Protein backbone atom coordinates (compact mmCIF):
# COMPACT_ATOMS: atom_id res chain seq x y z
CA UNK A 1 0.00 0.00 0.00
CA UNK A 2 1.27 3.47 -0.84
CA UNK A 3 2.37 5.77 1.94
CA UNK A 4 0.41 8.92 2.66
CA UNK A 5 1.97 12.35 2.20
CA UNK A 6 2.29 12.71 5.98
CA UNK A 7 4.11 9.36 6.20
CA UNK A 8 6.49 10.31 3.37
CA UNK A 9 7.19 13.67 5.03
CA UNK A 10 7.84 12.02 8.40
CA UNK A 11 10.18 9.47 6.80
CA UNK A 12 12.05 12.22 4.94
CA UNK A 13 12.43 14.28 8.12
CA UNK A 14 13.67 11.22 10.04
CA UNK A 15 16.32 10.54 7.36
CA UNK A 16 17.47 14.18 7.44
CA UNK A 17 17.70 14.10 11.23
CA UNK A 18 19.63 10.81 11.21
CA UNK A 19 22.09 12.25 8.67
CA UNK A 20 22.56 15.41 10.75
CA UNK A 21 21.29 17.57 7.90
CA UNK A 22 20.76 21.20 8.79
CA UNK A 23 19.12 23.94 6.79
CA UNK A 24 21.09 27.17 6.44
CA UNK A 25 19.53 30.40 5.25
CA UNK A 26 21.40 33.41 3.99
CA UNK A 27 20.16 36.77 2.77
CA UNK A 28 22.13 38.58 0.10
CA UNK A 29 21.95 41.88 -1.73
CA UNK A 30 21.42 42.06 -5.50
CA UNK A 31 25.13 42.44 -6.33
CA UNK A 32 26.06 39.34 -4.35
CA UNK A 33 23.16 37.41 -5.90
CA UNK A 34 24.37 38.42 -9.37
CA UNK A 35 27.88 37.17 -8.56
CA UNK A 36 26.44 33.87 -7.30
CA UNK A 37 24.42 33.50 -10.50
CA UNK A 38 27.57 34.15 -12.55
CA UNK A 39 29.51 31.56 -10.52
CA UNK A 40 26.67 29.11 -11.05
CA UNK A 41 26.85 29.68 -14.79
CA UNK A 42 30.63 29.19 -14.80
CA UNK A 43 30.21 25.87 -12.97
CA UNK A 44 27.12 24.88 -14.98
CA UNK A 45 25.01 24.67 -11.81
CA UNK A 46 21.26 25.08 -11.85
CA UNK A 47 20.78 24.80 -8.08
CA UNK A 48 22.04 27.36 -5.56
CA UNK A 49 22.40 24.59 -2.97
CA UNK A 50 24.55 22.48 -5.29
CA UNK A 51 26.73 25.45 -6.26
CA UNK A 52 27.32 26.50 -2.65
CA UNK A 53 28.10 22.94 -1.57
CA UNK A 54 30.67 22.62 -4.36
CA UNK A 55 32.19 25.98 -3.47
CA UNK A 56 32.52 24.91 0.17
CA UNK A 57 34.04 21.54 -0.72
CA UNK A 58 36.47 22.98 -3.28
CA UNK A 59 37.47 25.92 -1.11
CA UNK A 60 38.14 23.60 1.83
CA UNK A 61 40.23 21.36 -0.44
CA UNK A 62 42.58 24.30 -1.05
CA UNK A 63 43.76 24.07 2.55
CA UNK A 64 44.05 26.65 5.29
CA UNK A 65 46.57 28.99 3.64
CA UNK A 66 45.12 29.21 0.14
CA UNK A 67 41.51 29.16 1.29
CA UNK A 68 42.31 31.76 3.96
CA UNK A 69 43.72 34.11 1.33
CA UNK A 70 40.69 33.51 -0.87
CA UNK A 71 38.24 34.12 1.97
CA UNK A 72 39.93 37.22 3.41
CA UNK A 73 37.60 40.20 3.43
CA UNK A 74 38.80 42.94 1.07
CA UNK A 75 40.26 45.87 2.96
CA UNK A 76 40.27 49.27 1.34
CA UNK A 77 43.26 51.48 1.91
CA UNK A 78 42.48 55.08 2.58
CA UNK A 79 45.14 57.41 1.26
CA UNK A 80 44.83 61.14 1.57
CA UNK A 81 46.48 63.33 -0.99
CA UNK A 82 49.00 65.88 0.28
CA UNK A 83 46.59 68.74 -0.40
CA UNK A 84 43.77 67.07 1.58
CA UNK A 85 46.12 66.21 4.46
CA UNK A 86 47.43 69.79 4.51
CA UNK A 87 43.92 71.24 4.48
CA UNK A 88 42.86 68.90 7.30
CA UNK A 89 45.85 69.96 9.40
CA UNK A 90 45.14 73.64 8.75
CA UNK A 91 41.47 73.27 9.70
CA UNK A 92 42.42 71.30 12.82
CA UNK A 93 44.85 73.99 13.95
CA UNK A 94 42.29 76.72 13.21
CA UNK A 95 39.71 74.87 15.34
CA UNK A 96 42.23 74.41 18.19
CA UNK A 97 43.02 78.14 18.16
CA UNK A 98 39.31 78.94 18.23
CA UNK A 99 38.58 76.45 21.04
CA UNK A 100 41.67 75.03 22.76
CA UNK A 101 39.56 72.81 25.03
CA UNK A 102 40.76 71.66 28.46
CA UNK A 103 44.39 71.34 27.85
C-alpha atoms as a PDB file:
ATOM      1  CA  UNK A   1       0.000   0.000   0.000  1.00  0.00           C
ATOM      2  CA  UNK A   2       1.269   3.472  -0.843  1.00  0.00           C
ATOM      3  CA  UNK A   3       2.370   5.771   1.937  1.00  0.00           C
ATOM      4  CA  UNK A   4       0.409   8.918   2.660  1.00  0.00           C
ATOM      5  CA  UNK A   5       1.974  12.347   2.200  1.00  0.00           C
ATOM      6  CA  UNK A   6       2.286  12.709   5.983  1.00  0.00           C
ATOM      7  CA  UNK A   7       4.113   9.362   6.202  1.00  0.00           C
ATOM      8  CA  UNK A   8       6.486  10.311   3.369  1.00  0.00           C
ATOM      9  CA  UNK A   9       7.191  13.673   5.029  1.00  0.00           C
ATOM     10  CA  UNK A  10       7.840  12.024   8.402  1.00  0.00           C
ATOM     11  CA  UNK A  11      10.182   9.469   6.803  1.00  0.00           C
ATOM     12  CA  UNK A  12      12.047  12.220   4.945  1.00  0.00           C
ATOM     13  CA  UNK A  13      12.426  14.277   8.117  1.00  0.00           C
ATOM     14  CA  UNK A  14      13.673  11.216  10.043  1.00  0.00           C
ATOM     15  CA  UNK A  15      16.322  10.541   7.356  1.00  0.00           C
ATOM     16  CA  UNK A  16      17.471  14.177   7.437  1.00  0.00           C
ATOM     17  CA  UNK A  17      17.700  14.104  11.229  1.00  0.00           C
ATOM     18  CA  UNK A  18      19.631  10.813  11.209  1.00  0.00           C
ATOM     19  CA  UNK A  19      22.094  12.254   8.672  1.00  0.00           C
ATOM     20  CA  UNK A  20      22.557  15.414  10.752  1.00  0.00           C
ATOM     21  CA  UNK A  21      21.289  17.568   7.901  1.00  0.00           C
ATOM     22  CA  UNK A  22      20.759  21.196   8.790  1.00  0.00           C
ATOM     23  CA  UNK A  23      19.123  23.945   6.787  1.00  0.00           C
ATOM     24  CA  UNK A  24      21.094  27.165   6.444  1.00  0.00           C
ATOM     25  CA  UNK A  25      19.533  30.399   5.249  1.00  0.00           C
ATOM     26  CA  UNK A  26      21.404  33.407   3.990  1.00  0.00           C
ATOM     27  CA  UNK A  27      20.157  36.773   2.768  1.00  0.00           C
ATOM     28  CA  UNK A  28      22.134  38.584   0.099  1.00  0.00           C
ATOM     29  CA  UNK A  29      21.945  41.881  -1.731  1.00  0.00           C
ATOM     30  CA  UNK A  30      21.416  42.063  -5.499  1.00  0.00           C
ATOM     31  CA  UNK A  31      25.128  42.443  -6.335  1.00  0.00           C
ATOM     32  CA  UNK A  32      26.060  39.344  -4.346  1.00  0.00           C
ATOM     33  CA  UNK A  33      23.163  37.414  -5.896  1.00  0.00           C
ATOM     34  CA  UNK A  34      24.368  38.425  -9.366  1.00  0.00           C
ATOM     35  CA  UNK A  35      27.882  37.172  -8.555  1.00  0.00           C
ATOM     36  CA  UNK A  36      26.444  33.872  -7.302  1.00  0.00           C
ATOM     37  CA  UNK A  37      24.424  33.496 -10.499  1.00  0.00           C
ATOM     38  CA  UNK A  38      27.569  34.148 -12.545  1.00  0.00           C
ATOM     39  CA  UNK A  39      29.512  31.563 -10.521  1.00  0.00           C
ATOM     40  CA  UNK A  40      26.670  29.106 -11.048  1.00  0.00           C
ATOM     41  CA  UNK A  41      26.851  29.677 -14.791  1.00  0.00           C
ATOM     42  CA  UNK A  42      30.633  29.190 -14.796  1.00  0.00           C
ATOM     43  CA  UNK A  43      30.209  25.873 -12.968  1.00  0.00           C
ATOM     44  CA  UNK A  44      27.123  24.879 -14.982  1.00  0.00           C
ATOM     45  CA  UNK A  45      25.014  24.669 -11.809  1.00  0.00           C
ATOM     46  CA  UNK A  46      21.256  25.077 -11.853  1.00  0.00           C
ATOM     47  CA  UNK A  47      20.779  24.801  -8.082  1.00  0.00           C
ATOM     48  CA  UNK A  48      22.039  27.355  -5.556  1.00  0.00           C
ATOM     49  CA  UNK A  49      22.400  24.591  -2.973  1.00  0.00           C
ATOM     50  CA  UNK A  50      24.546  22.481  -5.286  1.00  0.00           C
ATOM     51  CA  UNK A  51      26.731  25.449  -6.257  1.00  0.00           C
ATOM     52  CA  UNK A  52      27.319  26.498  -2.655  1.00  0.00           C
ATOM     53  CA  UNK A  53      28.102  22.935  -1.568  1.00  0.00           C
ATOM     54  CA  UNK A  54      30.666  22.617  -4.360  1.00  0.00           C
ATOM     55  CA  UNK A  55      32.193  25.979  -3.470  1.00  0.00           C
ATOM     56  CA  UNK A  56      32.521  24.914   0.169  1.00  0.00           C
ATOM     57  CA  UNK A  57      34.043  21.536  -0.721  1.00  0.00           C
ATOM     58  CA  UNK A  58      36.467  22.978  -3.281  1.00  0.00           C
ATOM     59  CA  UNK A  59      37.471  25.922  -1.106  1.00  0.00           C
ATOM     60  CA  UNK A  60      38.136  23.605   1.828  1.00  0.00           C
ATOM     61  CA  UNK A  61      40.229  21.361  -0.438  1.00  0.00           C
ATOM     62  CA  UNK A  62      42.584  24.300  -1.049  1.00  0.00           C
ATOM     63  CA  UNK A  63      43.763  24.066   2.552  1.00  0.00           C
ATOM     64  CA  UNK A  64      44.047  26.648   5.285  1.00  0.00           C
ATOM     65  CA  UNK A  65      46.571  28.993   3.643  1.00  0.00           C
ATOM     66  CA  UNK A  66      45.119  29.208   0.136  1.00  0.00           C
ATOM     67  CA  UNK A  67      41.508  29.162   1.294  1.00  0.00           C
ATOM     68  CA  UNK A  68      42.310  31.755   3.958  1.00  0.00           C
ATOM     69  CA  UNK A  69      43.724  34.108   1.332  1.00  0.00           C
ATOM     70  CA  UNK A  70      40.688  33.507  -0.871  1.00  0.00           C
ATOM     71  CA  UNK A  71      38.238  34.120   1.968  1.00  0.00           C
ATOM     72  CA  UNK A  72      39.928  37.217   3.406  1.00  0.00           C
ATOM     73  CA  UNK A  73      37.603  40.198   3.431  1.00  0.00           C
ATOM     74  CA  UNK A  74      38.795  42.945   1.075  1.00  0.00           C
ATOM     75  CA  UNK A  75      40.263  45.871   2.959  1.00  0.00           C
ATOM     76  CA  UNK A  76      40.271  49.266   1.338  1.00  0.00           C
ATOM     77  CA  UNK A  77      43.262  51.479   1.912  1.00  0.00           C
ATOM     78  CA  UNK A  78      42.479  55.084   2.584  1.00  0.00           C
ATOM     79  CA  UNK A  79      45.144  57.408   1.262  1.00  0.00           C
ATOM     80  CA  UNK A  80      44.835  61.139   1.571  1.00  0.00           C
ATOM     81  CA  UNK A  81      46.475  63.335  -0.986  1.00  0.00           C
ATOM     82  CA  UNK A  82      48.996  65.881   0.277  1.00  0.00           C
ATOM     83  CA  UNK A  83      46.588  68.741  -0.397  1.00  0.00           C
ATOM     84  CA  UNK A  84      43.771  67.074   1.582  1.00  0.00           C
ATOM     85  CA  UNK A  85      46.124  66.210   4.463  1.00  0.00           C
ATOM     86  CA  UNK A  86      47.433  69.793   4.514  1.00  0.00           C
ATOM     87  CA  UNK A  87      43.916  71.237   4.484  1.00  0.00           C
ATOM     88  CA  UNK A  88      42.859  68.903   7.302  1.00  0.00           C
ATOM     89  CA  UNK A  89      45.852  69.965   9.395  1.00  0.00           C
ATOM     90  CA  UNK A  90      45.140  73.638   8.747  1.00  0.00           C
ATOM     91  CA  UNK A  91      41.475  73.266   9.703  1.00  0.00           C
ATOM     92  CA  UNK A  92      42.418  71.300  12.822  1.00  0.00           C
ATOM     93  CA  UNK A  93      44.849  73.994  13.947  1.00  0.00           C
ATOM     94  CA  UNK A  94      42.294  76.724  13.213  1.00  0.00           C
ATOM     95  CA  UNK A  95      39.708  74.869  15.336  1.00  0.00           C
ATOM     96  CA  UNK A  96      42.228  74.411  18.189  1.00  0.00           C
ATOM     97  CA  UNK A  97      43.023  78.142  18.158  1.00  0.00           C
ATOM     98  CA  UNK A  98      39.307  78.937  18.234  1.00  0.00           C
ATOM     99  CA  UNK A  99      38.577  76.448  21.037  1.00  0.00           C
ATOM    100  CA  UNK A 100      41.674  75.031  22.763  1.00  0.00           C
ATOM    101  CA  UNK A 101      39.556  72.808  25.028  1.00  0.00           C
ATOM    102  CA  UNK A 102      40.758  71.662  28.464  1.00  0.00           C
ATOM    103  CA  UNK A 103      44.392  71.342  27.854  1.00  0.00           C
END
